[in-house]
């Protein structure tokens, strides 16, 4: 497969800030980013930013 102008800069993603969250259902603490964060353990969207 060939692309013109190069592919996405994956290295730029590493510079994005993550935030700390806690799932209100299973109490799992994790890092995430974005507007619709979900718990990686139970997939609940009932999460709260803790930091």
C-alpha atoms as a PDB file:
ATOM      1  CA  UNK A   1       0.000   0.000   0.000  1.00  0.00           C
ATOM      2  CA  UNK A   2       1.301   3.442  -0.888  1.00  0.00           C
ATOM      3  CA  UNK A   3       0.430   6.799   0.640  1.00  0.00           C
ATOM      4  CA  UNK A   4       1.201  10.280  -0.571  1.00  0.00           C
ATOM      5  CA  UNK A   5       2.457  12.707   2.050  1.00  0.00           C
ATOM      6  CA  UNK A   6       3.222  10.043   4.663  1.00  0.00           C
ATOM      7  CA  UNK A   7       1.065   8.376   7.254  1.00  0.00           C
ATOM      8  CA  UNK A   8      -0.113   9.615  10.626  1.00  0.00           C
ATOM      9  CA  UNK A   9       2.527  10.717  13.112  1.00  0.00           C
ATOM     10  CA  UNK A  10       2.134   8.091  15.822  1.00  0.00           C
ATOM     11  CA  UNK A  11       4.799   9.795  17.942  1.00  0.00           C
ATOM     12  CA  UNK A  12       2.559  12.844  18.359  1.00  0.00           C
ATOM     13  CA  UNK A  13      -0.017  10.749  20.227  1.00  0.00           C
ATOM     14  CA  UNK A  14       2.478  10.065  23.030  1.00  0.00           C
ATOM     15  CA  UNK A  15       2.605  13.790  23.811  1.00  0.00           C
ATOM     16  CA  UNK A  16      -1.116  14.005  24.617  1.00  0.00           C
ATOM     17  CA  UNK A  17      -1.986  14.377  28.286  1.00  0.00           C
ATOM     18  CA  UNK A  18      -3.809  11.545  30.003  1.00  0.00           C
ATOM     19  CA  UNK A  19      -5.982  12.024  33.058  1.00  0.00           C
ATOM     20  CA  UNK A  20      -6.616   9.811  36.073  1.00  0.00           C
ATOM     21  CA  UNK A  21     -10.090   8.285  36.369  1.00  0.00           C
ATOM     22  CA  UNK A  22     -11.929   6.023  38.778  1.00  0.00           C
ATOM     23  CA  UNK A  23     -14.817   3.801  37.738  1.00  0.00           C
ATOM     24  CA  UNK A  24     -17.838   4.422  39.973  1.00  0.00           C
ATOM     25  CA  UNK A  25     -19.092   0.869  39.356  1.00  0.00           C
ATOM     26  CA  UNK A  26     -16.031  -1.373  39.913  1.00  0.00           C
ATOM     27  CA  UNK A  27     -13.682   1.183  41.591  1.00  0.00           C
ATOM     28  CA  UNK A  28     -10.905   0.510  39.059  1.00  0.00           C
ATOM     29  CA  UNK A  29      -8.409   3.396  38.756  1.00  0.00           C
ATOM     30  CA  UNK A  30      -6.917   4.020  35.312  1.00  0.00           C
ATOM     31  CA  UNK A  31      -5.536   6.632  32.944  1.00  0.00           C
ATOM     32  CA  UNK A  32      -7.506   7.754  29.929  1.00  0.00           C
ATOM     33  CA  UNK A  33      -8.087  10.585  27.505  1.00  0.00           C
ATOM     34  CA  UNK A  34     -10.897  11.886  25.401  1.00  0.00           C
ATOM     35  CA  UNK A  35     -14.441  12.958  26.034  1.00  0.00           C
ATOM     36  CA  UNK A  36     -16.102   9.549  26.348  1.00  0.00           C
ATOM     37  CA  UNK A  37     -13.827   7.601  28.661  1.00  0.00           C
ATOM     38  CA  UNK A  38     -14.888   4.090  29.657  1.00  0.00           C
ATOM     39  CA  UNK A  39     -13.444   1.716  32.238  1.00  0.00           C
ATOM     40  CA  UNK A  40     -11.041  -0.819  30.701  1.00  0.00           C
ATOM     41  CA  UNK A  41     -12.095  -3.471  33.264  1.00  0.00           C
ATOM     42  CA  UNK A  42     -15.892  -3.418  33.135  1.00  0.00           C
ATOM     43  CA  UNK A  43     -16.530  -1.104  30.132  1.00  0.00           C
ATOM     44  CA  UNK A  44     -18.747   1.191  32.230  1.00  0.00           C
ATOM     45  CA  UNK A  45     -18.985   4.838  31.219  1.00  0.00           C
ATOM     46  CA  UNK A  46     -19.790   5.781  34.831  1.00  0.00           C
ATOM     47  CA  UNK A  47     -16.300   7.179  35.510  1.00  0.00           C
ATOM     48  CA  UNK A  48     -15.064  10.189  37.479  1.00  0.00           C
ATOM     49  CA  UNK A  49     -11.888  12.186  36.920  1.00  0.00           C
ATOM     50  CA  UNK A  50      -9.777  12.059  40.089  1.00  0.00           C
ATOM     51  CA  UNK A  51      -6.774  14.228  39.291  1.00  0.00           C
END
